[in-house]
Amino acid sequence: MLDAKGNVKIIDFGFSTCIPNDKKIKIFCGTPSYMAPEIVAKKEFCGPPADIWASGVLLFAFFCGCFPFRGQNDKDLYKKIMKCELVIPDHVPSGPRSILAKIL
């Protein structure tokens, strides 16, 4: 999307909800590759940290051309997200590498 000033905005309202930032929820939803570990684990979570995780997945895809966690099927993908064994390719510059390591 573009805002009123022509700035690009990245959005995904597929599962958007209006929940206070500090309220914990327990909803299993989202695009599998972008799901945070707490969602995959079906634990209660606050929305903002899960959104930050999803932005880290997007940033990783931007720099690497693929998702940080991949599986043969959703069950395999969820196991890899839970393990969180992140491998950042050597071509990723140190600044983004540091941010990705903290976000993911």
PDB file of N, CA and C in Angstrom:
ATOM      1  N   MET A   1       0.836  -1.175   0.000  1.00  0.00           N
ATOM      2  CA  MET A   1       0.000   0.000   0.000  1.00  0.00           C
ATOM      3  C   MET A   1       0.884   1.242   0.000  1.00  0.00           C
ATOM      4  N   LEU A   2       0.288   2.337  -0.373  1.00  0.00           N
ATOM      5  CA  LEU A   2       0.961   3.631  -0.303  1.00  0.00           C
ATOM      6  C   LEU A   2       0.156   4.531   0.629  1.00  0.00           C
ATOM      7  N   ASP A   3       0.874   5.304   1.466  1.00  0.00           N
ATOM      8  CA  ASP A   3       0.170   6.267   2.312  1.00  0.00           C
ATOM      9  C   ASP A   3      -0.072   7.552   1.525  1.00  0.00           C
ATOM     10  N   ALA A   4      -0.631   8.565   2.180  1.00  0.00           N
ATOM     11  CA  ALA A   4      -0.985   9.826   1.517  1.00  0.00           C
ATOM     12  C   ALA A   4       0.222  10.537   0.902  1.00  0.00           C
ATOM     13  N   LYS A   5       1.430  10.242   1.421  1.00  0.00           N
ATOM     14  CA  LYS A   5       2.642  10.884   0.911  1.00  0.00           C
ATOM     15  C   LYS A   5       3.394  10.001  -0.085  1.00  0.00           C
ATOM     16  N   GLY A   6       2.815   8.858  -0.455  1.00  0.00           N
ATOM     17  CA  GLY A   6       3.453   7.981  -1.423  1.00  0.00           C
ATOM     18  C   GLY A   6       4.467   7.027  -0.814  1.00  0.00           C
ATOM     19  N   ASN A   7       4.520   6.931   0.520  1.00  0.00           N
ATOM     20  CA  ASN A   7       5.433   6.000   1.180  1.00  0.00           C
ATOM     21  C   ASN A   7       4.855   4.591   1.129  1.00  0.00           C
ATOM     22  N   VAL A   8       5.719   3.625   0.866  1.00  0.00           N
ATOM     23  CA  VAL A   8       5.286   2.225   0.810  1.00  0.00           C
ATOM     24  C   VAL A   8       5.053   1.717   2.230  1.00  0.00           C
ATOM     25  N   LYS A   9       3.923   1.043   2.427  1.00  0.00           N
ATOM     26  CA  LYS A   9       3.572   0.442   3.714  1.00  0.00           C
ATOM     27  C   LYS A   9       3.342  -1.043   3.483  1.00  0.00           C
ATOM     28  N   ILE A  10       3.991  -1.877   4.292  1.00  0.00           N
ATOM     29  CA  ILE A  10       3.826  -3.319   4.194  1.00  0.00           C
ATOM     30  C   ILE A  10       2.702  -3.718   5.139  1.00  0.00           C
ATOM     31  N   ILE A  11       1.704  -4.422   4.612  1.00  0.00           N
ATOM     32  CA  ILE A  11       0.563  -4.802   5.442  1.00  0.00           C
ATOM     33  C   ILE A  11       0.146  -6.240   5.171  1.00  0.00           C
ATOM     34  N   ASP A  12      -0.554  -6.790   6.114  1.00  0.00           N
ATOM     35  CA  ASP A  12      -1.218  -8.081   5.966  1.00  0.00           C
ATOM     36  C   ASP A  12      -2.331  -8.096   6.993  1.00  0.00           C
ATOM     37  N   PHE A  13      -3.540  -7.862   6.540  1.00  0.00           N
ATOM     38  CA  PHE A  13      -4.672  -7.807   7.454  1.00  0.00           C
ATOM     39  C   PHE A  13      -5.454  -9.115   7.479  1.00  0.00           C
ATOM     40  N   GLY A  14      -4.856 -10.194   7.016  1.00  0.00           N
ATOM     41  CA  GLY A  14      -5.556 -11.467   6.941  1.00  0.00           C
ATOM     42  C   GLY A  14      -6.141 -11.927   8.262  1.00  0.00           C
ATOM     43  N   PHE A  15      -5.436 -11.732   9.348  1.00  0.00           N
ATOM     44  CA  PHE A  15      -5.913 -12.143  10.666  1.00  0.00           C
ATOM     45  C   PHE A  15      -5.864 -10.983  11.651  1.00  0.00           C
ATOM     46  N   SER A  16      -6.066  -9.778  11.175  1.00  0.00           N
ATOM     47  CA  SER A  16      -5.960  -8.617  12.050  1.00  0.00           C
ATOM     48  C   SER A  16      -7.086  -8.599  13.074  1.00  0.00           C
ATOM     49  N   THR A  17      -6.766  -8.114  14.249  1.00  0.00           N
ATOM     50  CA  THR A  17      -7.738  -7.984  15.334  1.00  0.00           C
ATOM     51  C   THR A  17      -7.450  -6.698  16.098  1.00  0.00           C
ATOM     52  N   CYS A  18      -8.421  -6.227  16.838  1.00  0.00           N
ATOM     53  CA  CYS A  18      -8.240  -5.049  17.690  1.00  0.00           C
ATOM     54  C   CYS A  18      -8.183  -5.535  19.133  1.00  0.00           C
ATOM     55  N   ILE A  19      -6.977  -5.771  19.605  1.00  0.00           N
ATOM     56  CA  ILE A  19      -6.746  -6.253  20.961  1.00  0.00           C
ATOM     57  C   ILE A  19      -5.705  -5.338  21.597  1.00  0.00           C
ATOM     58  N   PRO A  20      -5.924  -4.908  22.839  1.00  0.00           N
ATOM     59  CA  PRO A  20      -4.917  -4.060  23.492  1.00  0.00           C
ATOM     60  C   PRO A  20      -3.544  -4.743  23.488  1.00  0.00           C
ATOM     61  N   ASN A  21      -2.494  -3.932  23.307  1.00  0.00           N
ATOM     62  CA  ASN A  21      -1.135  -4.474  23.205  1.00  0.00           C
ATOM     63  C   ASN A  21      -0.701  -5.315  24.391  1.00  0.00           C
ATOM     64  N   ASP A  22      -1.217  -5.009  25.588  1.00  0.00           N
ATOM     65  CA  ASP A  22      -0.772  -5.733  26.777  1.00  0.00           C
ATOM     66  C   ASP A  22      -1.655  -6.936  27.109  1.00  0.00           C
ATOM     67  N   LYS A  23      -2.730  -7.153  26.358  1.00  0.00           N
ATOM     68  CA  LYS A  23      -3.617  -8.288  26.612  1.00  0.00           C
ATOM     69  C   LYS A  23      -3.060  -9.535  25.944  1.00  0.00           C
ATOM     70  N   LYS A  24      -3.005 -10.635  26.700  1.00  0.00           N
ATOM     71  CA  LYS A  24      -2.531 -11.893  26.142  1.00  0.00           C
ATOM     72  C   LYS A  24      -3.686 -12.624  25.474  1.00  0.00           C
ATOM     73  N   ILE A  25      -3.364 -13.239  24.349  1.00  0.00           N
ATOM     74  CA  ILE A  25      -4.359 -14.006  23.609  1.00  0.00           C
ATOM     75  C   ILE A  25      -3.806 -15.396  23.324  1.00  0.00           C
ATOM     76  N   LYS A  26      -4.693 -16.299  22.970  1.00  0.00           N
ATOM     77  CA  LYS A  26      -4.270 -17.656  22.619  1.00  0.00           C
ATOM     78  C   LYS A  26      -5.045 -18.057  21.374  1.00  0.00           C
ATOM     79  N   ILE A  27      -4.540 -17.595  20.232  1.00  0.00           N
ATOM     80  CA  ILE A  27      -5.178 -17.858  18.952  1.00  0.00           C
ATOM     81  C   ILE A  27      -4.130 -18.463  18.023  1.00  0.00           C
ATOM     82  N   PHE A  28      -4.451 -19.605  17.444  1.00  0.00           N
ATOM     83  CA  PHE A  28      -3.545 -20.221  16.480  1.00  0.00           C
ATOM     84  C   PHE A  28      -3.962 -19.750  15.100  1.00  0.00           C
ATOM     85  N   CYS A  29      -3.275 -18.727  14.606  1.00  0.00           N
ATOM     86  CA  CYS A  29      -3.624 -18.182  13.300  1.00  0.00           C
ATOM     87  C   CYS A  29      -2.413 -17.497  12.687  1.00  0.00           C
ATOM     88  N   GLY A  30      -2.484 -17.317  11.392  1.00  0.00           N
ATOM     89  CA  GLY A  30      -1.416 -16.625  10.693  1.00  0.00           C
ATOM     90  C   GLY A  30      -0.884 -17.441   9.536  1.00  0.00           C
ATOM     91  N   THR A  31      -0.021 -16.840   8.777  1.00  0.00           N
ATOM     92  CA  THR A  31       0.650 -17.535   7.685  1.00  0.00           C
ATOM     93  C   THR A  31       1.770 -18.359   8.301  1.00  0.00           C
ATOM     94  N   PRO A  32       1.787 -19.673   8.097  1.00  0.00           N
ATOM     95  CA  PRO A  32       2.726 -20.554   8.812  1.00  0.00           C
ATOM     96  C   PRO A  32       4.178 -20.073   8.864  1.00  0.00           C
ATOM     97  N   SER A  33       4.752 -19.632   7.769  1.00  0.00           N
ATOM     98  CA  SER A  33       6.165 -19.234   7.762  1.00  0.00           C
ATOM     99  C   SER A  33       6.444 -18.005   8.622  1.00  0.00           C
ATOM    100  N   TYR A  34       5.415 -17.216   8.917  1.00  0.00           N
ATOM    101  CA  TYR A  34       5.580 -15.986   9.697  1.00  0.00           C
ATOM    102  C   TYR A  34       5.192 -16.143  11.163  1.00  0.00           C
ATOM    103  N   MET A  35       4.710 -17.317  11.558  1.00  0.00           N
ATOM    104  CA  MET A  35       4.237 -17.511  12.928  1.00  0.00           C
ATOM    105  C   MET A  35       5.392 -17.528  13.925  1.00  0.00           C
ATOM    106  N   ALA A  36       5.206 -16.794  15.019  1.00  0.00           N
ATOM    107  CA  ALA A  36       6.188 -16.761  16.097  1.00  0.00           C
ATOM    108  C   ALA A  36       6.134 -18.078  16.881  1.00  0.00           C
ATOM    109  N   PRO A  37       7.229 -18.436  17.552  1.00  0.00           N
ATOM    110  CA  PRO A  37       7.252 -19.688  18.316  1.00  0.00           C
ATOM    111  C   PRO A  37       6.110 -19.807  19.330  1.00  0.00           C
ATOM    112  N   GLU A  38       5.736 -18.709  19.963  1.00  0.00           N
ATOM    113  CA  GLU A  38       4.669 -18.778  20.962  1.00  0.00           C
ATOM    114  C   GLU A  38       3.314 -19.101  20.323  1.00  0.00           C
ATOM    115  N   ILE A  39       3.116 -18.693  19.087  1.00  0.00           N
ATOM    116  CA  ILE A  39       1.877 -19.040  18.382  1.00  0.00           C
ATOM    117  C   ILE A  39       1.901 -20.511  18.006  1.00  0.00           C
ATOM    118  N   VAL A  40       3.027 -20.954  17.448  1.00  0.00           N
ATOM    119  CA  VAL A  40       3.189 -22.348  17.056  1.00  0.00           C
ATOM    120  C   VAL A  40       3.016 -23.269  18.263  1.00  0.00           C
ATOM    121  N   ALA A  41       3.502 -22.839  19.424  1.00  0.00           N
ATOM    122  CA  ALA A  41       3.412 -23.641  20.648  1.00  0.00           C
ATOM    123  C   ALA A  41       2.021 -23.581  21.283  1.00  0.00           C
ATOM    124  N   LYS A  42       1.145 -22.771  20.695  1.00  0.00           N
ATOM    125  CA  LYS A  42      -0.223 -22.606  21.191  1.00  0.00           C
ATOM    126  C   LYS A  42      -0.246 -22.099  22.637  1.00  0.00           C
ATOM    127  N   LYS A  43       0.682 -21.166  22.926  1.00  0.00           N
ATOM    128  CA  LYS A  43       0.752 -20.524  24.240  1.00  0.00           C
ATOM    129  C   LYS A  43       0.091 -19.156  24.164  1.00  0.00           C
ATOM    130  N   GLU A  44      -0.239 -18.598  25.318  1.00  0.00           N
ATOM    131  CA  GLU A  44      -0.742 -17.225  25.345  1.00  0.00           C
ATOM    132  C   GLU A  44       0.382 -16.285  24.913  1.00  0.00           C
ATOM    133  N   PHE A  45       0.028 -15.232  24.194  1.00  0.00           N
ATOM    134  CA  PHE A  45       1.040 -14.284  23.746  1.00  0.00           C
ATOM    135  C   PHE A  45       0.431 -12.906  23.593  1.00  0.00           C
ATOM    136  N   CYS A  46       1.289 -11.901  23.614  1.00  0.00           N
ATOM    137  CA  CYS A  46       0.887 -10.524  23.312  1.00  0.00           C
ATOM    138  C   CYS A  46       1.182 -10.285  21.831  1.00  0.00           C
ATOM    139  N   GLY A  47       0.348  -9.501  21.185  1.00  0.00           N
ATOM    140  CA  GLY A  47       0.475  -9.279  19.756  1.00  0.00           C
ATOM    141  C   GLY A  47       1.758  -8.633  19.283  1.00  0.00           C
ATOM    142  N   PRO A  48       2.209  -7.537  19.930  1.00  0.00           N
ATOM    143  CA  PRO A  48       3.384  -6.846  19.385  1.00  0.00           C
ATOM    144  C   PRO A  48       4.637  -7.714  19.224  1.00  0.00           C
ATOM    145  N   PRO A  49       5.018  -8.550  20.207  1.00  0.00           N
ATOM    146  CA  PRO A  49       6.199  -9.386  19.978  1.00  0.00           C
ATOM    147  C   PRO A  49       6.038 -10.355  18.798  1.00  0.00           C
ATOM    148  N   ALA A  50       4.829 -10.889  18.625  1.00  0.00           N
ATOM    149  CA  ALA A  50       4.585 -11.781  17.484  1.00  0.00           C
ATOM    150  C   ALA A  50       4.685 -11.006  16.175  1.00  0.00           C
ATOM    151  N   ASP A  51       4.253  -9.753  16.181  1.00  0.00           N
ATOM    152  CA  ASP A  51       4.370  -8.915  14.987  1.00  0.00           C
ATOM    153  C   ASP A  51       5.830  -8.585  14.682  1.00  0.00           C
ATOM    154  N   ILE A  52       6.613  -8.373  15.724  1.00  0.00           N
ATOM    155  CA  ILE A  52       8.044  -8.107  15.530  1.00  0.00           C
ATOM    156  C   ILE A  52       8.714  -9.335  14.934  1.00  0.00           C
ATOM    157  N   TRP A  53       8.359 -10.520  15.426  1.00  0.00           N
ATOM    158  CA  TRP A  53       8.887 -11.767  14.865  1.00  0.00           C
ATOM    159  C   TRP A  53       8.574 -11.829  13.361  1.00  0.00           C
ATOM    160  N   ALA A  54       7.311 -11.575  13.008  1.00  0.00           N
ATOM    161  CA  ALA A  54       6.901 -11.636  11.600  1.00  0.00           C
ATOM    162  C   ALA A  54       7.681 -10.628  10.758  1.00  0.00           C
ATOM    163  N   SER A  55       7.966  -9.456  11.313  1.00  0.00           N
ATOM    164  CA  SER A  55       8.765  -8.473  10.567  1.00  0.00           C
ATOM    165  C   SER A  55      10.195  -8.975  10.396  1.00  0.00           C
ATOM    166  N   GLY A  56      10.703  -9.729  11.355  1.00  0.00           N
ATOM    167  CA  GLY A  56      12.028 -10.340  11.222  1.00  0.00           C
ATOM    168  C   GLY A  56      12.056 -11.379  10.111  1.00  0.00           C
ATOM    169  N   VAL A  57      10.981 -12.156  10.000  1.00  0.00           N
ATOM    170  CA  VAL A  57      10.876 -13.128   8.906  1.00  0.00           C
ATOM    171  C   VAL A  57      10.883 -12.402   7.567  1.00  0.00           C
ATOM    172  N   LEU A  58      10.137 -11.311   7.493  1.00  0.00           N
ATOM    173  CA  LEU A  58      10.087 -10.521   6.263  1.00  0.00           C
ATOM    174  C   LEU A  58      11.462  -9.932   5.931  1.00  0.00           C
ATOM    175  N   LEU A  59      12.153  -9.397   6.931  1.00  0.00           N
ATOM    176  CA  LEU A  59      13.489  -8.840   6.727  1.00  0.00           C
ATOM    177  C   LEU A  59      14.467  -9.921   6.260  1.00  0.00           C
ATOM    178  N   PHE A  60      14.378 -11.102   6.873  1.00  0.00           N
ATOM    179  CA  PHE A  60      15.230 -12.218   6.471  1.00  0.00           C
ATOM    180  C   PHE A  60      14.976 -12.552   4.997  1.00  0.00           C
ATOM    181  N   ALA A  61      13.699 -12.645   4.615  1.00  0.00           N
ATOM    182  CA  ALA A  61      13.353 -12.962   3.226  1.00  0.00           C
ATOM    183  C   ALA A  61      13.875 -11.888   2.272  1.00  0.00           C
ATOM    184  N   PHE A  62      13.834 -10.636   2.706  1.00  0.00           N
ATOM    185  CA  PHE A  62      14.345  -9.530   1.893  1.00  0.00           C
ATOM    186  C   PHE A  62      15.835  -9.704   1.599  1.00  0.00           C
ATOM    187  N   PHE A  63      16.614 -10.041   2.627  1.00  0.00           N
ATOM    188  CA  PHE A  63      18.067 -10.162   2.457  1.00  0.00           C
ATOM    189  C   PHE A  63      18.507 -11.504   1.889  1.00  0.00           C
ATOM    190  N   CYS A  64      17.715 -12.545   2.106  1.00  0.00           N
ATOM    191  CA  CYS A  64      18.164 -13.888   1.747  1.00  0.00           C
ATOM    192  C   CYS A  64      17.402 -14.530   0.589  1.00  0.00           C
ATOM    193  N   GLY A  65      16.227 -14.003   0.280  1.00  0.00           N
ATOM    194  CA  GLY A  65      15.448 -14.574  -0.816  1.00  0.00           C
ATOM    195  C   GLY A  65      14.721 -15.853  -0.452  1.00  0.00           C
ATOM    196  N   CYS A  66      14.660 -16.171   0.830  1.00  0.00           N
ATOM    197  CA  CYS A  66      13.948 -17.352   1.295  1.00  0.00           C
ATOM    198  C   CYS A  66      13.544 -17.120   2.751  1.00  0.00           C
ATOM    199  N   PHE A  67      12.703 -18.006   3.271  1.00  0.00           N
ATOM    200  CA  PHE A  67      12.300 -17.884   4.671  1.00  0.00           C
ATOM    201  C   PHE A  67      13.379 -18.443   5.588  1.00  0.00           C
ATOM    202  N   PRO A  68      13.449 -17.949   6.828  1.00  0.00           N
ATOM    203  CA  PRO A  68      14.477 -18.444   7.759  1.00  0.00           C
ATOM    204  C   PRO A  68      14.246 -19.881   8.210  1.00  0.00           C
ATOM    205  N   PHE A  69      12.996 -20.324   8.205  1.00  0.00           N
ATOM    206  CA  PHE A  69      12.664 -21.684   8.625  1.00  0.00           C
ATOM    207  C   PHE A  69      11.798 -22.306   7.542  1.00  0.00           C
ATOM    208  N   ARG A  70      12.192 -23.491   7.083  1.00  0.00           N
ATOM    209  CA  ARG A  70      11.453 -24.181   6.031  1.00  0.00           C
ATOM    210  C   ARG A  70      11.267 -25.635   6.422  1.00  0.00           C
ATOM    211  N   GLY A  71      10.147 -26.204   6.000  1.00  0.00           N
ATOM    212  CA  GLY A  71       9.875 -27.598   6.308  1.00  0.00           C
ATOM    213  C   GLY A  71       9.193 -28.301   5.155  1.00  0.00           C
ATOM    214  N   GLN A  72       9.149 -29.625   5.226  1.00  0.00           N
ATOM    215  CA  GLN A  72       8.489 -30.434   4.204  1.00  0.00           C
ATOM    216  C   GLN A  72       6.975 -30.219   4.231  1.00  0.00           C
ATOM    217  N   ASN A  73       6.465 -29.876   5.420  1.00  0.00           N
ATOM    218  CA  ASN A  73       5.039 -29.620   5.617  1.00  0.00           C
ATOM    219  C   ASN A  73       4.912 -28.684   6.819  1.00  0.00           C
ATOM    220  N   ASP A  74       3.693 -28.291   7.165  1.00  0.00           N
ATOM    221  CA  ASP A  74       3.510 -27.343   8.272  1.00  0.00           C
ATOM    222  C   ASP A  74       4.043 -27.904   9.588  1.00  0.00           C
ATOM    223  N   LYS A  75       3.798 -29.166   9.858  1.00  0.00           N
ATOM    224  CA  LYS A  75       4.269 -29.777  11.112  1.00  0.00           C
ATOM    225  C   LYS A  75       5.792 -29.698  11.225  1.00  0.00           C
ATOM    226  N   ASP A  76       6.477 -30.000  10.143  1.00  0.00           N
ATOM    227  CA  ASP A  76       7.944 -29.917  10.115  1.00  0.00           C
ATOM    228  C   ASP A  76       8.401 -28.465  10.271  1.00  0.00           C
ATOM    229  N   LEU A  77       7.720 -27.552   9.602  1.00  0.00           N
ATOM    230  CA  LEU A  77       8.031 -26.122   9.711  1.00  0.00           C
ATOM    231  C   LEU A  77       7.889 -25.656  11.152  1.00  0.00           C
ATOM    232  N   TYR A  78       6.800 -26.038  11.815  1.00  0.00           N
ATOM    233  CA  TYR A  78       6.565 -25.617  13.194  1.00  0.00           C
ATOM    234  C   TYR A  78       7.653 -26.135  14.131  1.00  0.00           C
ATOM    235  N   LYS A  79       8.124 -27.346  13.907  1.00  0.00           N
ATOM    236  CA  LYS A  79       9.226 -27.887  14.722  1.00  0.00           C
ATOM    237  C   LYS A  79      10.477 -27.022  14.570  1.00  0.00           C
ATOM    238  N   LYS A  80      10.755 -26.609  13.341  1.00  0.00           N
ATOM    239  CA  LYS A  80      11.948 -25.795  13.086  1.00  0.00           C
ATOM    240  C   LYS A  80      11.812 -24.399  13.683  1.00  0.00           C
ATOM    241  N   ILE A  81      10.604 -23.827  13.628  1.00  0.00           N
ATOM    242  CA  ILE A  81      10.382 -22.527  14.259  1.00  0.00           C
ATOM    243  C   ILE A  81      10.590 -22.645  15.764  1.00  0.00           C
ATOM    244  N   MET A  82      10.085 -23.729  16.361  1.00  0.00           N
ATOM    245  CA  MET A  82      10.230 -23.927  17.817  1.00  0.00           C
ATOM    246  C   MET A  82      11.703 -24.088  18.218  1.00  0.00           C
ATOM    247  N   LYS A  83      12.478 -24.779  17.401  1.00  0.00           N
ATOM    248  CA  LYS A  83      13.912 -24.956  17.699  1.00  0.00           C
ATOM    249  C   LYS A  83      14.669 -23.649  17.515  1.00  0.00           C
ATOM    250  N   CYS A  84      14.214 -22.830  16.596  1.00  0.00           N
ATOM    251  CA  CYS A  84      14.796 -21.518  16.312  1.00  0.00           C
ATOM    252  C   CYS A  84      16.294 -21.592  16.031  1.00  0.00           C
ATOM    253  N   GLU A  85      16.682 -22.561  15.252  1.00  0.00           N
ATOM    254  CA  GLU A  85      18.085 -22.681  14.848  1.00  0.00           C
ATOM    255  C   GLU A  85      18.293 -21.834  13.594  1.00  0.00           C
ATOM    256  N   LEU A  86      18.553 -20.570  13.823  1.00  0.00           N
ATOM    257  CA  LEU A  86      18.664 -19.599  12.743  1.00  0.00           C
ATOM    258  C   LEU A  86      20.058 -19.624  12.125  1.00  0.00           C
ATOM    259  N   VAL A  87      20.094 -19.751  10.808  1.00  0.00           N
ATOM    260  CA  VAL A  87      21.351 -19.674  10.060  1.00  0.00           C
ATOM    261  C   VAL A  87      21.226 -18.484   9.120  1.00  0.00           C
ATOM    262  N   ILE A  88      22.028 -17.467   9.379  1.00  0.00           N
ATOM    263  CA  ILE A  88      22.019 -16.263   8.546  1.00  0.00           C
ATOM    264  C   ILE A  88      23.181 -16.373   7.562  1.00  0.00           C
ATOM    265  N   PRO A  89      22.895 -16.353   6.262  1.00  0.00           N
ATOM    266  CA  PRO A  89      23.970 -16.490   5.265  1.00  0.00           C
ATOM    267  C   PRO A  89      25.052 -15.411   5.420  1.00  0.00           C
ATOM    268  N   ASP A  90      26.251 -15.769   5.018  1.00  0.00           N
ATOM    269  CA  ASP A  90      27.407 -14.873   5.148  1.00  0.00           C
ATOM    270  C   ASP A  90      27.262 -13.567   4.376  1.00  0.00           C
ATOM    271  N   HIS A  91      26.466 -13.548   3.304  1.00  0.00           N
ATOM    272  CA  HIS A  91      26.357 -12.332   2.489  1.00  0.00           C
ATOM    273  C   HIS A  91      25.512 -11.237   3.153  1.00  0.00           C
ATOM    274  N   VAL A  92      24.832 -11.557   4.253  1.00  0.00           N
ATOM    275  CA  VAL A  92      24.007 -10.558   4.941  1.00  0.00           C
ATOM    276  C   VAL A  92      24.931  -9.625   5.724  1.00  0.00           C
ATOM    277  N   PRO A  93      24.850  -8.315   5.487  1.00  0.00           N
ATOM    278  CA  PRO A  93      25.717  -7.348   6.179  1.00  0.00           C
ATOM    279  C   PRO A  93      25.552  -7.412   7.703  1.00  0.00           C
ATOM    280  N   SER A  94      26.552  -6.916   8.412  1.00  0.00           N
ATOM    281  CA  SER A  94      26.573  -7.022   9.879  1.00  0.00           C
ATOM    282  C   SER A  94      25.405  -6.328  10.569  1.00  0.00           C
ATOM    283  N   GLY A  95      24.955  -5.171  10.064  1.00  0.00           N
ATOM    284  CA  GLY A  95      23.827  -4.461  10.687  1.00  0.00           C
ATOM    285  C   GLY A  95      22.547  -5.282  10.654  1.00  0.00           C
ATOM    286  N   PRO A  96      22.103  -5.690   9.452  1.00  0.00           N
ATOM    287  CA  PRO A  96      20.910  -6.530   9.378  1.00  0.00           C
ATOM    288  C   PRO A  96      21.109  -7.872  10.096  1.00  0.00           C
ATOM    289  N   ARG A  97      22.302  -8.417  10.034  1.00  0.00           N
ATOM    290  CA  ARG A  97      22.586  -9.688  10.725  1.00  0.00           C
ATOM    291  C   ARG A  97      22.325  -9.547  12.223  1.00  0.00           C
ATOM    292  N   SER A  98      22.773  -8.441  12.793  1.00  0.00           N
ATOM    293  CA  SER A  98      22.581  -8.204  14.218  1.00  0.00           C
ATOM    294  C   SER A  98      21.098  -8.047  14.561  1.00  0.00           C
ATOM    295  N   ILE A  99      20.379  -7.294  13.729  1.00  0.00           N
ATOM    296  CA  ILE A  99      18.945  -7.097  13.961  1.00  0.00           C
ATOM    297  C   ILE A  99      18.203  -8.435  13.855  1.00  0.00           C
ATOM    298  N   LEU A 100      18.512  -9.212  12.812  1.00  0.00           N
ATOM    299  CA  LEU A 100      17.849 -10.499  12.634  1.00  0.00           C
ATOM    300  C   LEU A 100      18.109 -11.435  13.802  1.00  0.00           C
ATOM    301  N   ALA A 101      19.329 -11.449  14.288  1.00  0.00           N
ATOM    302  CA  ALA A 101      19.673 -12.322  15.423  1.00  0.00           C
ATOM    303  C   ALA A 101      18.866 -11.931  16.674  1.00  0.00           C
ATOM    304  N   LYS A 102      18.605 -10.651  16.826  1.00  0.00           N
ATOM    305  CA  LYS A 102      17.829 -10.194  18.000  1.00  0.00           C
ATOM    306  C   LYS A 102      16.339 -10.427  17.827  1.00  0.00           C
ATOM    307  N   ILE A 103      15.828 -10.179  16.636  1.00  0.00           N
ATOM    308  CA  ILE A 103      14.389 -10.324  16.393  1.00  0.00           C
ATOM    309  C   ILE A 103      13.971 -11.786  16.370  1.00  0.00           C
ATOM    310  N   LEU A 104      14.787 -12.613  15.706  1.00  0.00           N
ATOM    311  CA  LEU A 104      14.422 -14.017  15.557  1.00  0.00           C
ATOM    312  C   LEU A 104      15.166 -14.883  16.564  1.00  0.00           C
TER     313      LEU A 104
END
